[in-house]
Every structure is written in C-alpha cells, then in structure tokens.
Amino acid sequence: IEEYVKMETLDYDLIHHIDMHMKLLDERTLLVGEYPEGVADGPEIEANIQYVLSNFTTHYGEPFEIVRIPMPPEPDGDYPDSNGDYLTYANAVFVNNTILVPTYYEPYDSIALNIWRENMPGYNIQGINCNSIIPQSGAIHCITKELGVENPLWISHNRIDEACKDEEIFFEAEVKHNDAIASVALFYRIAGTATYTMVPMTNTVDEPSIYSVWLPSFEEVIQVEYYIHAVAETGKTINRPMPAPEGYYTITVDTTATDCIVGIQGVETTLSLLDVFPNPSAGITCIPVESNKSLEATISMHDVMGRQVATIFDGNIPAGSSKYFIRANQYPAGTYFIHLETDAEVAVRKLIVK
C-alpha cells in the first residue's frame, strides 16, 4: 500500500463504514451518496470528497471522477438526522458481471438503478430489497464476504473518454497472471455498427506487463466503442470491462477534446473565497477558492477577537478552482473567521467549530 486515505467519521453513520456512502467503480470513478443540501451527513461527505480530490490522484496520476447517487429518506420523509435509517445505494456488491444493489422503495429505486446502469454498461444490475436489514446499519455489502478467484487474470486500464479528430489514439493496459500471458487484444467499432475489429496489443521487454497499441486517426466526428481482451497461457480469458462485448468503453472523437483546445478567451481577473463547508464543522473542512488568474495569497484563520490562530496557506493560488483544508477538531469549539488576503483585498468567511 503506497497511499492511505483517511476520511473523517460522519455524525449519522454510526458504524463508520465508508461502504455506506461510497463505492469505487473502477480505477478512477467514485460513486458517492448524496443528500439534499444541508441534510444529515451531506456536508461532511462533500468535504471528505473535496479533500480527496484536492490531495490525491488515481493510480494513473489523474483526478478521481465523482458520480452522485441519492441517499433516500425513510418513506415518511425522515433522514438520519431526524431518526431515519441510513438508506444507501452505494452499499453494493460486484459478483463477476452482476452488481447487487440495495433497494428500498420507488421512485428512488428506479433513479438509483438507472445511475448504476449508466455508469456500468453491460453489467446485470440487480436490486435486492434491504428494508428488513437496513435498520441494523448495513445493506448488501455489509453482510457479504467476497472470495477472490484463484489464480486471477487481471487487467488494469485507464479508460479513454475522448480523442482528437485526425489524430492517432494510444491505448495501454497492464495485464498480469501468475503464468505467462498468451495474448492481449483491443476490440473496437464505430458506435451504431455491430462488428468489432480486433487489433493485437504488444508489450516490451522493459515493461513486460504493459501492453499497448496505436489506432489510426478518425477523420470524422464519431463515437468509438472498445474493450480489451486477454488470454493466459492456461487458456483463462478475461475482458475489460468484464461484460464485454455487451459492455464497453466509449470514446468521443471530435475537435473539442481537452487536448485539441488551443488557447482561452481573456476575461476580467477575479478571486473569490466561497462558502466554507461543512459549517458548522467538527472534522475535515473545505475552503473553496476560485480565480481566473494565478495570484499570491494567504489563507488564515482568526478567532472572534481578531487573533490569527492558524496559517492555512501562503503562496501561489492557481487559476481555476482550488480547495484548501483544515481539521476543525484541532481547534476549540466556537466562532472563527477564514481570511483570504492578497495585496489588493481581503475576503472573509465565518466558520463555526462544534
């Protein structure tokens, strides 16, 4: 384990299990439970997620992607902060090409199952009624022990979502098995067509577990569907995503992909200190800042007497959105003020530490 991410415990998740409100879907996608604004653990969950996004990256060095899924109330409208049970759709279990998802009642069930299907195409998304067990603070994942397959064939791939028109596309995957790998191949097709084209992927002596291939460029704006197929010398096979060819990754090929855009329009310089959250707070607290220009600034924390109790950040704030963090439980309960200072201005936001 090279990186260990610890999130603050939540006020209403009494068992303190991250699987009650979060699920890792693949190497870079986090499914995260979402409450209405200001309800139950919603602000603390959001602060935890912003802490992760601002301080950690995926195995591939890229930001995590967040998919929101509703945390429903009890049928009578009670959420955990009003003595309702901790209903969750994140407490799910993967079993090969099937995903077992806890369900409770409509219309929340249909909304949640559709979110799962949209983000895990090709998988059999099966709802399991958990009304009888959720009062014990757990659902499907909490009562299940997963047993890994013996001698697995394993593919890790940082999926490609977009590519530039008229430019070749590079694919790479890490493939491992206790025995030798017989072959690895990329299968692709134009969206709307039925037949995949197979292209072998090759590895190098320097990195024997890394397989790659270049696809020729596409001359029109289209979508390309693809998956990766591996075969071990033992004859074992696996696809990524697992339910391929019914499930696949989709690349949008056009002229607006991130790497195709050159330059941005000039706009008036602005620097904003946004609302601190959660507020009140007793754990990880997020301090969001937005700027359209790189600026030198200081972020500090002051008590009600105006005395500075902490320097949170002192340096260059980059253009765009950035987030800074404190752990509120390191300070006595009370009222504080967060200052964002530059040579030209000071912005202030109030924070209640509970």
Protein backbone atom coordinates (compact mmCIF):
# COMPACT_ATOMS: atom_id res chain seq x y z
CA ILE A 1 0.00 0.00 0.00
CA GLU A 2 1.67 3.20 -1.18
CA GLU A 3 -1.08 5.66 -0.29
CA TYR A 4 -3.53 5.57 2.59
CA VAL A 5 -6.50 7.95 2.53
CA LYS A 6 -8.31 8.50 5.83
CA MET A 7 -11.62 10.35 5.89
CA GLU A 8 -13.26 11.83 8.95
CA THR A 9 -16.08 9.80 10.51
CA LEU A 10 -19.63 11.07 9.96
CA ASP A 11 -22.15 12.19 12.55
CA TYR A 12 -25.02 9.92 11.48
CA ASP A 13 -23.23 6.88 10.00
CA LEU A 14 -22.97 5.20 13.39
CA ILE A 15 -20.88 2.24 12.20
CA HIS A 16 -18.32 4.49 10.44
CA HIS A 17 -18.14 2.29 7.34
CA ILE A 18 -17.13 4.05 4.15
CA ASP A 19 -19.09 1.50 2.11
CA MET A 20 -22.33 3.04 3.40
CA HIS A 21 -21.86 6.12 1.24
CA MET A 22 -19.09 5.38 -1.28
CA LYS A 23 -18.15 2.74 -3.87
CA LEU A 24 -15.13 2.54 -6.17
CA LEU A 25 -16.47 1.66 -9.64
CA ASP A 26 -13.14 1.45 -11.46
CA GLU A 27 -9.61 2.87 -11.29
CA ARG A 28 -10.84 6.45 -11.28
CA THR A 29 -14.58 6.61 -10.57
CA LEU A 30 -16.13 7.03 -7.13
CA LEU A 31 -19.87 6.53 -6.64
CA VAL A 32 -20.80 8.84 -3.74
CA GLY A 33 -24.04 9.10 -1.79
CA GLU A 34 -25.71 12.50 -1.96
CA TYR A 35 -28.16 14.08 0.48
CA PRO A 36 -30.22 17.22 -0.16
CA GLU A 37 -28.22 20.35 0.64
CA GLY A 38 -27.52 20.69 4.35
CA VAL A 39 -29.17 17.38 5.31
CA ALA A 40 -27.67 14.69 7.57
CA ASP A 41 -24.07 13.80 6.60
CA GLY A 42 -24.28 15.60 3.25
CA PRO A 43 -21.92 18.50 4.09
CA GLU A 44 -19.36 16.21 5.75
CA ILE A 45 -19.43 13.74 2.85
CA GLU A 46 -18.87 16.60 0.41
CA ALA A 47 -15.96 17.94 2.47
CA ASN A 48 -14.39 14.46 2.54
CA ILE A 49 -14.73 14.14 -1.24
CA GLN A 50 -13.25 17.58 -1.89
CA TYR A 51 -10.36 16.64 0.41
CA VAL A 52 -9.69 13.55 -1.69
CA LEU A 53 -10.00 15.41 -4.99
CA SER A 54 -7.62 18.13 -3.84
CA ASN A 55 -4.94 15.90 -2.30
CA PHE A 56 -4.97 12.51 -4.06
CA THR A 57 -4.98 11.14 -7.57
CA THR A 58 -5.73 7.79 -9.17
CA HIS A 59 -3.15 5.08 -9.80
CA TYR A 60 -2.65 6.82 -13.16
CA GLY A 61 -1.97 10.23 -11.62
CA GLU A 62 -5.29 11.73 -12.69
CA PRO A 63 -8.13 13.27 -10.66
CA PHE A 64 -10.87 10.97 -9.45
CA GLU A 65 -14.26 11.27 -11.13
CA ILE A 66 -17.33 11.54 -8.91
CA VAL A 67 -20.76 10.06 -9.67
CA ARG A 68 -23.55 11.15 -7.30
CA ILE A 69 -26.32 8.81 -6.21
CA PRO A 70 -29.21 9.84 -3.93
CA MET A 71 -29.38 8.83 -0.27
CA PRO A 72 -33.15 8.47 0.17
CA PRO A 73 -35.18 9.30 3.26
CA GLU A 74 -37.49 6.89 5.02
CA PRO A 75 -40.90 6.68 3.28
CA ASP A 76 -42.20 9.12 5.93
CA GLY A 77 -39.52 11.64 4.90
CA ASP A 78 -37.10 11.15 7.82
CA TYR A 79 -33.36 11.28 7.10
CA PRO A 80 -30.70 10.05 9.58
CA ASP A 81 -30.57 13.50 11.24
CA SER A 82 -34.27 13.09 12.13
CA ASN A 83 -34.00 9.46 13.32
CA GLY A 84 -34.42 7.86 9.89
CA ASP A 85 -32.39 4.81 8.87
CA TYR A 86 -29.22 5.24 6.80
CA LEU A 87 -30.68 4.16 3.44
CA THR A 88 -27.93 3.78 0.84
CA TYR A 89 -27.48 2.63 -2.76
CA ALA A 90 -23.67 2.66 -2.50
CA ASN A 91 -23.53 -0.47 -0.31
CA ALA A 92 -23.42 -2.77 -3.35
CA VAL A 93 -21.55 -5.96 -4.29
CA PHE A 94 -19.82 -6.94 -7.56
CA VAL A 95 -20.17 -10.63 -8.48
CA ASN A 96 -18.48 -11.17 -11.85
CA ASN A 97 -20.76 -9.46 -14.39
CA THR A 98 -23.58 -8.83 -11.90
CA ILE A 99 -23.85 -5.99 -9.40
CA LEU A 100 -26.19 -6.44 -6.43
CA VAL A 101 -27.63 -3.08 -5.35
CA PRO A 102 -29.72 -2.47 -2.19
CA THR A 103 -33.23 -1.16 -2.88
CA TYR A 104 -35.99 0.26 -0.68
CA TYR A 105 -38.95 1.92 -2.47
CA GLU A 106 -39.95 3.89 -5.56
CA PRO A 107 -39.21 6.28 -7.18
CA TYR A 108 -35.76 6.34 -5.54
CA ASP A 109 -35.00 2.73 -6.54
CA SER A 110 -35.51 3.35 -10.27
CA ILE A 111 -33.41 6.51 -10.15
CA ALA A 112 -30.56 4.73 -8.37
CA LEU A 113 -30.62 1.62 -10.56
CA ASN A 114 -30.55 3.81 -13.68
CA ILE A 115 -27.48 5.65 -12.34
CA TRP A 116 -25.78 2.29 -11.81
CA ARG A 117 -26.71 1.13 -15.35
CA GLU A 118 -25.50 4.35 -16.96
CA ASN A 119 -22.11 4.07 -15.29
CA MET A 120 -21.65 0.29 -15.57
CA PRO A 121 -22.90 -0.54 -19.09
CA GLY A 122 -23.28 -4.23 -19.88
CA TYR A 123 -23.46 -5.33 -16.23
CA ASN A 124 -26.54 -7.05 -14.85
CA ILE A 125 -27.72 -4.54 -12.23
CA GLN A 126 -29.88 -6.48 -9.76
CA GLY A 127 -31.79 -4.74 -6.99
CA ILE A 128 -32.14 -6.53 -3.63
CA ASN A 129 -34.78 -5.28 -1.17
CA CYS A 130 -32.96 -4.31 2.04
CA ASN A 131 -35.76 -2.78 4.09
CA SER A 132 -35.58 -5.62 6.62
CA ILE A 133 -31.81 -5.30 7.27
CA ILE A 134 -31.04 -1.59 6.89
CA PRO A 135 -32.26 -0.79 10.46
CA GLN A 136 -29.20 -2.80 11.60
CA SER A 137 -26.97 -0.19 9.88
CA GLY A 138 -25.94 -2.19 6.84
CA ALA A 139 -27.07 -3.46 3.44
CA ILE A 140 -25.81 -5.97 0.82
CA HIS A 141 -22.10 -5.15 1.01
CA CYS A 142 -22.10 -5.14 4.82
CA ILE A 143 -23.43 -8.71 5.05
CA THR A 144 -21.37 -10.18 2.20
CA LYS A 145 -17.89 -11.69 2.18
CA GLU A 146 -16.34 -11.75 -1.28
CA LEU A 147 -14.00 -14.60 -2.21
CA GLY A 148 -11.45 -13.82 -4.89
CA VAL A 149 -10.97 -16.25 -7.76
CA GLU A 150 -7.91 -18.49 -7.55
CA ASN A 151 -5.03 -17.54 -9.86
CA PRO A 152 -6.77 -14.49 -11.38
CA LEU A 153 -6.12 -12.99 -14.80
CA TRP A 154 -6.04 -9.24 -14.22
CA ILE A 155 -6.37 -6.15 -16.43
CA SER A 156 -5.93 -2.57 -15.28
CA HIS A 157 -6.78 0.12 -17.82
CA ASN A 158 -7.19 3.88 -17.64
CA ARG A 159 -10.15 4.17 -19.98
CA ILE A 160 -10.15 6.76 -22.75
CA ASP A 161 -13.20 9.03 -22.94
CA GLU A 162 -12.22 11.49 -25.65
CA ALA A 163 -9.80 11.82 -28.55
CA CYS A 164 -8.95 14.42 -31.16
CA LYS A 165 -10.22 14.07 -34.70
CA ASP A 166 -7.44 13.36 -37.20
CA GLU A 167 -5.00 12.17 -34.51
CA GLU A 168 -3.92 8.60 -33.69
CA ILE A 169 -5.22 7.13 -30.42
CA PHE A 170 -2.87 5.39 -27.99
CA PHE A 171 -4.21 2.53 -25.82
CA GLU A 172 -2.37 0.96 -22.90
CA ALA A 173 -3.24 -1.69 -20.32
CA GLU A 174 -1.46 -3.56 -17.54
CA VAL A 175 -2.10 -7.32 -17.75
CA LYS A 176 -0.94 -9.86 -15.16
CA HIS A 177 -1.27 -13.58 -14.43
CA ASN A 178 0.81 -15.98 -12.35
CA ASP A 179 1.58 -17.84 -15.56
CA ALA A 180 2.50 -16.31 -18.92
CA ILE A 181 0.16 -14.12 -20.97
CA ALA A 182 -0.68 -15.68 -24.34
CA SER A 183 -2.23 -12.62 -26.00
CA VAL A 184 -3.82 -9.23 -25.42
CA ALA A 185 -6.04 -7.51 -27.98
CA LEU A 186 -8.08 -4.35 -28.43
CA PHE A 187 -11.54 -4.72 -29.96
CA TYR A 188 -13.18 -1.57 -31.35
CA ARG A 189 -16.09 -0.47 -33.53
CA ILE A 190 -17.85 2.70 -34.65
CA ALA A 191 -20.92 3.31 -32.48
CA GLY A 192 -24.04 2.04 -34.25
CA THR A 193 -22.22 -0.79 -36.03
CA ALA A 194 -22.43 -4.42 -34.97
CA THR A 195 -18.96 -5.85 -35.62
CA TYR A 196 -15.79 -5.23 -33.62
CA THR A 197 -12.36 -5.05 -35.27
CA MET A 198 -9.55 -6.84 -33.40
CA VAL A 199 -6.09 -5.29 -33.10
CA PRO A 200 -3.28 -7.12 -31.22
CA MET A 201 -1.64 -5.26 -28.34
CA THR A 202 2.09 -5.80 -27.79
CA ASN A 203 4.40 -5.49 -24.80
CA THR A 204 8.06 -4.58 -24.37
CA VAL A 205 10.98 -6.24 -22.62
CA ASP A 206 11.38 -3.20 -20.34
CA GLU A 207 7.77 -3.38 -19.10
CA PRO A 208 6.56 -6.95 -19.71
CA SER A 209 3.16 -6.42 -18.09
CA ILE A 210 2.30 -3.30 -20.13
CA TYR A 211 0.54 -3.85 -23.47
CA SER A 212 -0.18 -1.07 -25.95
CA VAL A 213 -1.36 -0.26 -29.46
CA TRP A 214 -1.96 2.80 -31.65
CA LEU A 215 -5.16 3.15 -33.67
CA PRO A 216 -5.16 5.18 -36.89
CA SER A 217 -6.90 8.55 -36.69
CA PHE A 218 -10.60 9.00 -37.46
CA GLU A 219 -11.45 11.69 -40.00
CA GLU A 220 -14.97 12.41 -38.78
CA VAL A 221 -16.71 13.32 -35.53
CA ILE A 222 -17.87 9.96 -34.18
CA GLN A 223 -18.03 7.74 -31.12
CA VAL A 224 -15.82 4.66 -30.87
CA GLU A 225 -16.70 1.71 -28.62
CA TYR A 226 -13.95 -0.60 -27.40
CA TYR A 227 -12.86 -3.23 -24.89
CA ILE A 228 -9.66 -5.16 -24.07
CA HIS A 229 -9.39 -8.96 -24.16
CA ALA A 230 -6.61 -11.01 -22.55
CA VAL A 231 -5.75 -14.73 -22.68
CA ALA A 232 -3.37 -16.51 -20.30
CA GLU A 233 -1.23 -19.47 -21.35
CA THR A 234 -3.53 -21.65 -19.22
CA GLY A 235 -6.44 -20.73 -21.51
CA LYS A 236 -8.13 -18.46 -18.97
CA THR A 237 -9.66 -15.33 -20.55
CA ILE A 238 -10.98 -12.02 -19.29
CA ASN A 239 -12.36 -8.80 -20.75
CA ARG A 240 -12.18 -5.25 -19.53
CA PRO A 241 -14.82 -4.15 -18.89
CA MET A 242 -15.79 -7.63 -17.74
CA PRO A 243 -19.20 -7.91 -19.51
CA ALA A 244 -17.71 -7.09 -22.94
CA PRO A 245 -18.68 -7.21 -25.74
CA GLU A 246 -22.14 -6.27 -24.36
CA GLY A 247 -20.42 -3.71 -22.11
CA TYR A 248 -17.74 -1.40 -23.50
CA TYR A 249 -15.95 1.94 -23.12
CA THR A 250 -16.94 4.85 -25.37
CA ILE A 251 -14.57 7.43 -26.88
CA THR A 252 -15.94 10.68 -28.30
CA VAL A 253 -13.77 11.68 -31.26
CA ASP A 254 -14.16 15.36 -32.22
CA THR A 255 -12.34 18.70 -32.26
CA THR A 256 -13.30 19.82 -28.74
CA ALA A 257 -11.48 17.17 -26.68
CA THR A 258 -9.26 18.62 -23.95
CA ASP A 259 -6.02 18.10 -25.86
CA CYS A 260 -7.48 19.68 -29.01
CA ILE A 261 -8.38 23.05 -27.47
CA VAL A 262 -5.77 25.77 -28.02
CA GLY A 263 -5.99 28.98 -26.01
CA ILE A 264 -8.80 30.51 -23.92
CA GLN A 265 -10.69 33.76 -24.11
CA GLY A 266 -9.36 36.55 -21.87
CA VAL A 267 -11.65 37.59 -19.02
CA GLU A 268 -11.50 40.08 -16.18
CA THR A 269 -9.38 38.92 -13.24
CA THR A 270 -11.39 37.69 -10.25
CA LEU A 271 -10.51 35.95 -6.98
CA SER A 272 -13.30 34.58 -4.78
CA LEU A 273 -13.43 32.90 -1.37
CA LEU A 274 -16.54 30.68 -1.50
CA ASP A 275 -18.60 29.35 1.39
CA VAL A 276 -16.67 27.10 3.77
CA PHE A 277 -18.22 23.67 4.30
CA PRO A 278 -19.38 21.79 6.26
CA ASN A 279 -20.39 24.64 8.51
CA PRO A 280 -20.69 24.04 11.47
CA SER A 281 -17.84 21.54 11.32
CA ALA A 282 -16.10 19.05 13.58
CA GLY A 283 -13.81 17.36 11.06
CA ILE A 284 -12.33 17.94 7.62
CA THR A 285 -13.41 21.41 6.49
CA CYS A 286 -13.15 22.58 2.88
CA ILE A 287 -12.22 26.16 1.94
CA PRO A 288 -13.00 26.64 -1.79
CA VAL A 289 -11.30 29.38 -3.80
CA GLU A 290 -11.88 30.40 -7.41
CA SER A 291 -9.57 32.54 -9.51
CA ASN A 292 -9.11 33.09 -13.22
CA LYS A 293 -5.51 34.17 -12.70
CA SER A 294 -2.57 32.81 -10.74
CA LEU A 295 -2.11 35.03 -7.67
CA GLU A 296 -0.02 35.21 -4.50
CA ALA A 297 -2.33 34.99 -1.48
CA THR A 298 -2.58 33.95 2.15
CA ILE A 299 -5.42 31.99 3.76
CA SER A 300 -5.58 32.24 7.54
CA MET A 301 -7.93 31.51 10.43
CA HIS A 302 -8.81 34.07 13.12
CA ASP A 303 -10.80 33.94 16.35
CA VAL A 304 -13.59 36.38 17.34
CA MET A 305 -11.01 38.73 18.87
CA GLY A 306 -9.27 39.02 15.52
CA ARG A 307 -6.24 36.99 16.61
CA GLN A 308 -4.73 34.72 13.96
CA VAL A 309 -4.83 31.11 15.15
CA ALA A 310 -3.54 29.38 12.00
CA THR A 311 -1.97 29.99 8.62
CA ILE A 312 -3.76 27.62 6.28
CA PHE A 313 -1.95 28.52 3.06
CA ASP A 314 0.66 31.05 1.96
CA GLY A 315 1.78 31.04 -1.64
CA ASN A 316 0.57 30.92 -5.23
CA ILE A 317 -3.12 30.20 -5.79
CA PRO A 318 -3.51 28.74 -9.30
CA ALA A 319 -6.04 29.84 -11.87
CA GLY A 320 -9.30 27.91 -11.72
CA SER A 321 -10.89 26.18 -8.75
CA SER A 322 -8.73 25.11 -5.82
CA LYS A 323 -9.52 23.86 -2.34
CA TYR A 324 -7.76 24.08 0.98
CA PHE A 325 -8.48 22.18 4.17
CA ILE A 326 -8.33 22.29 7.94
CA ARG A 327 -9.36 19.77 10.55
CA ALA A 328 -11.81 21.70 12.71
CA ASN A 329 -11.46 19.27 15.61
CA GLN A 330 -7.95 20.63 16.20
CA TYR A 331 -9.45 23.88 17.48
CA PRO A 332 -11.69 24.69 20.48
CA ALA A 333 -15.41 24.95 19.72
CA GLY A 334 -16.52 28.46 18.80
CA THR A 335 -16.74 31.04 16.04
CA TYR A 336 -13.82 31.68 13.68
CA PHE A 337 -13.20 33.65 10.50
CA ILE A 338 -11.34 32.45 7.41
CA HIS A 339 -9.40 35.25 5.67
CA LEU A 340 -8.23 35.19 2.04
CA GLU A 341 -5.74 38.03 1.59
CA THR A 342 -3.92 39.42 -1.43
CA ASP A 343 -2.05 42.70 -1.87
CA ALA A 344 -5.29 44.27 -3.10
CA GLU A 345 -8.10 42.80 -0.98
CA VAL A 346 -9.28 40.67 1.93
CA ALA A 347 -12.24 38.27 1.75
CA VAL A 348 -13.73 36.73 4.93
CA ARG A 349 -15.99 33.76 5.65
CA LYS A 350 -17.33 32.71 9.05
CA LEU A 351 -16.79 29.16 10.37
CA ILE A 352 -18.45 27.56 13.38
CA VAL A 353 -16.41 24.81 15.05
CA LYS A 354 -18.60 22.47 17.03
